[in-house]
Amino acid sequence: MKQKDGSHKEAALVYQRSSATATPETSEILSTFQLDEKPIPLMLLGAYHMGNPNLDKFNVEADDALAPKRQAEIEEVVKKLYRFSTN
């Protein structure tokens, strides 16, 4: 990940499936887990292929991405991405 000074730092993300209720074992493990640094904000963004040539396994019928309504929605997403990136 790029740092403010221009250097790069590696971050590892580990995902584990867990149940909705913590067991005594997981509670004990979680209680000892501490972050060494400030948490890193993370945004997950998903999108479909707006110019889909119907070559994907699953194809979506969608409105024209160049229509004024869709362009306004895309502009709003871009603004939110910018706000997220500057925080």
C-alpha atoms as a PDB file:
ATOM      1  CA  MET A   1       0.000   0.000   0.000  1.00  0.00           C
ATOM      2  CA  LYS A   2       1.302   3.411  -0.868  1.00  0.00           C
ATOM      3  CA  GLN A   3       2.151   5.565   2.161  1.00  0.00           C
ATOM      4  CA  LYS A   4       1.859   9.365   2.375  1.00  0.00           C
ATOM      5  CA  ASP A   5       5.648   9.703   1.991  1.00  0.00           C
ATOM      6  CA  GLY A   6       5.521   7.777  -1.309  1.00  0.00           C
ATOM      7  CA  SER A   7       6.949   4.541   0.071  1.00  0.00           C
ATOM      8  CA  HIS A   8       5.048   1.254  -0.048  1.00  0.00           C
ATOM      9  CA  LYS A   9       4.069  -1.041   2.786  1.00  0.00           C
ATOM     10  CA  GLU A  10       2.662  -4.536   2.529  1.00  0.00           C
ATOM     11  CA  ALA A  11      -0.629  -5.335   4.246  1.00  0.00           C
ATOM     12  CA  ALA A  12      -1.991  -8.836   4.642  1.00  0.00           C
ATOM     13  CA  LEU A  13      -5.704  -9.482   4.828  1.00  0.00           C
ATOM     14  CA  VAL A  14      -6.759 -12.775   6.328  1.00  0.00           C
ATOM     15  CA  TYR A  15     -10.362 -13.893   6.003  1.00  0.00           C
ATOM     16  CA  GLN A  16     -11.842 -16.618   8.117  1.00  0.00           C
ATOM     17  CA  ARG A  17     -15.350 -17.967   8.181  1.00  0.00           C
ATOM     18  CA  SER A  18     -16.857 -17.717  11.629  1.00  0.00           C
ATOM     19  CA  SER A  19     -20.214 -18.383  13.193  1.00  0.00           C
ATOM     20  CA  ALA A  20     -22.537 -15.627  14.344  1.00  0.00           C
ATOM     21  CA  THR A  21     -21.866 -16.513  17.974  1.00  0.00           C
ATOM     22  CA  ALA A  22     -18.369 -16.614  19.409  1.00  0.00           C
ATOM     23  CA  THR A  23     -17.222 -19.762  21.156  1.00  0.00           C
ATOM     24  CA  PRO A  24     -15.128 -19.500  24.342  1.00  0.00           C
ATOM     25  CA  GLU A  25     -12.057 -20.374  22.271  1.00  0.00           C
ATOM     26  CA  THR A  26     -12.628 -17.642  19.685  1.00  0.00           C
ATOM     27  CA  SER A  27     -13.521 -15.105  22.388  1.00  0.00           C
ATOM     28  CA  GLU A  28     -10.195 -15.797  24.084  1.00  0.00           C
ATOM     29  CA  ILE A  29      -8.284 -15.415  20.813  1.00  0.00           C
ATOM     30  CA  LEU A  30     -10.113 -12.205  19.890  1.00  0.00           C
ATOM     31  CA  SER A  31      -9.521 -10.695  23.332  1.00  0.00           C
ATOM     32  CA  THR A  32      -5.730 -11.021  22.843  1.00  0.00           C
ATOM     33  CA  PHE A  33      -5.745  -9.630  19.292  1.00  0.00           C
ATOM     34  CA  GLN A  34      -4.585  -6.032  19.066  1.00  0.00           C
ATOM     35  CA  LEU A  35      -3.807  -3.827  16.098  1.00  0.00           C
ATOM     36  CA  ASP A  36      -0.310  -2.395  16.067  1.00  0.00           C
ATOM     37  CA  GLU A  37      -1.407   0.509  13.902  1.00  0.00           C
ATOM     38  CA  LYS A  38      -4.442   2.553  13.021  1.00  0.00           C
ATOM     39  CA  PRO A  39      -6.967   0.442  11.065  1.00  0.00           C
ATOM     40  CA  ILE A  40      -6.856   0.930   7.313  1.00  0.00           C
ATOM     41  CA  PRO A  41     -10.131   2.080   5.693  1.00  0.00           C
ATOM     42  CA  LEU A  42     -11.300  -0.408   3.106  1.00  0.00           C
ATOM     43  CA  MET A  43     -13.909   0.010   0.406  1.00  0.00           C
ATOM     44  CA  LEU A  44     -15.214  -2.853  -1.677  1.00  0.00           C
ATOM     45  CA  LEU A  45     -16.798  -1.833  -4.945  1.00  0.00           C
ATOM     46  CA  GLY A  46     -18.529  -4.087  -7.406  1.00  0.00           C
ATOM     47  CA  ALA A  47     -19.757  -3.243 -10.870  1.00  0.00           C
ATOM     48  CA  TYR A  48     -21.045  -5.059 -13.919  1.00  0.00           C
ATOM     49  CA  HIS A  49     -19.518  -4.773 -17.407  1.00  0.00           C
ATOM     50  CA  MET A  50     -21.388  -1.781 -18.767  1.00  0.00           C
ATOM     51  CA  GLY A  51     -20.224  -2.503 -22.301  1.00  0.00           C
ATOM     52  CA  ASN A  52     -21.068  -6.196 -22.013  1.00  0.00           C
ATOM     53  CA  PRO A  53     -20.769  -7.925 -25.424  1.00  0.00           C
ATOM     54  CA  ASN A  54     -22.741 -10.934 -24.042  1.00  0.00           C
ATOM     55  CA  LEU A  55     -19.576 -13.035 -23.724  1.00  0.00           C
ATOM     56  CA  ASP A  56     -19.752 -13.528 -19.945  1.00  0.00           C
ATOM     57  CA  LYS A  57     -21.128 -16.642 -18.309  1.00  0.00           C
ATOM     58  CA  PHE A  58     -23.910 -14.522 -16.793  1.00  0.00           C
ATOM     59  CA  ASN A  59     -25.128 -11.561 -18.810  1.00  0.00           C
ATOM     60  CA  VAL A  60     -27.081  -8.654 -17.413  1.00  0.00           C
ATOM     61  CA  GLU A  61     -29.629  -6.618 -19.280  1.00  0.00           C
ATOM     62  CA  ALA A  62     -29.077  -3.050 -18.167  1.00  0.00           C
ATOM     63  CA  ASP A  63     -30.044   0.435 -19.176  1.00  0.00           C
ATOM     64  CA  ASP A  64     -27.790   2.447 -21.459  1.00  0.00           C
ATOM     65  CA  ALA A  65     -24.807   3.604 -19.336  1.00  0.00           C
ATOM     66  CA  LEU A  66     -24.676   6.781 -21.437  1.00  0.00           C
ATOM     67  CA  ALA A  67     -28.257   7.774 -20.588  1.00  0.00           C
ATOM     68  CA  PRO A  68     -28.467  10.987 -18.512  1.00  0.00           C
ATOM     69  CA  LYS A  69     -29.876   9.150 -15.473  1.00  0.00           C
ATOM     70  CA  ARG A  70     -27.057   6.584 -15.491  1.00  0.00           C
ATOM     71  CA  GLN A  71     -24.424   9.262 -16.096  1.00  0.00           C
ATOM     72  CA  ALA A  72     -25.683  11.124 -13.001  1.00  0.00           C
ATOM     73  CA  GLU A  73     -25.434   7.893 -10.974  1.00  0.00           C
ATOM     74  CA  ILE A  74     -21.900   7.260 -12.233  1.00  0.00           C
ATOM     75  CA  GLU A  75     -20.930  10.831 -11.360  1.00  0.00           C
ATOM     76  CA  GLU A  76     -22.252  10.316  -7.814  1.00  0.00           C
ATOM     77  CA  VAL A  77     -20.165   7.145  -7.427  1.00  0.00           C
ATOM     78  CA  VAL A  78     -17.067   9.000  -8.656  1.00  0.00           C
ATOM     79  CA  LYS A  79     -17.694  11.783  -6.108  1.00  0.00           C
ATOM     80  CA  LYS A  80     -18.043   9.219  -3.298  1.00  0.00           C
ATOM     81  CA  LEU A  81     -14.844   7.460  -4.397  1.00  0.00           C
ATOM     82  CA  TYR A  82     -13.029  10.792  -4.366  1.00  0.00           C
ATOM     83  CA  ARG A  83     -14.301  11.628  -0.872  1.00  0.00           C
ATOM     84  CA  PHE A  84     -13.227   8.192   0.352  1.00  0.00           C
ATOM     85  CA  SER A  85      -9.770   8.531  -1.210  1.00  0.00           C
ATOM     86  CA  THR A  86      -9.124  11.953   0.365  1.00  0.00           C
ATOM     87  CA  ASN A  87     -10.041  10.925   3.936  1.00  0.00           C
END
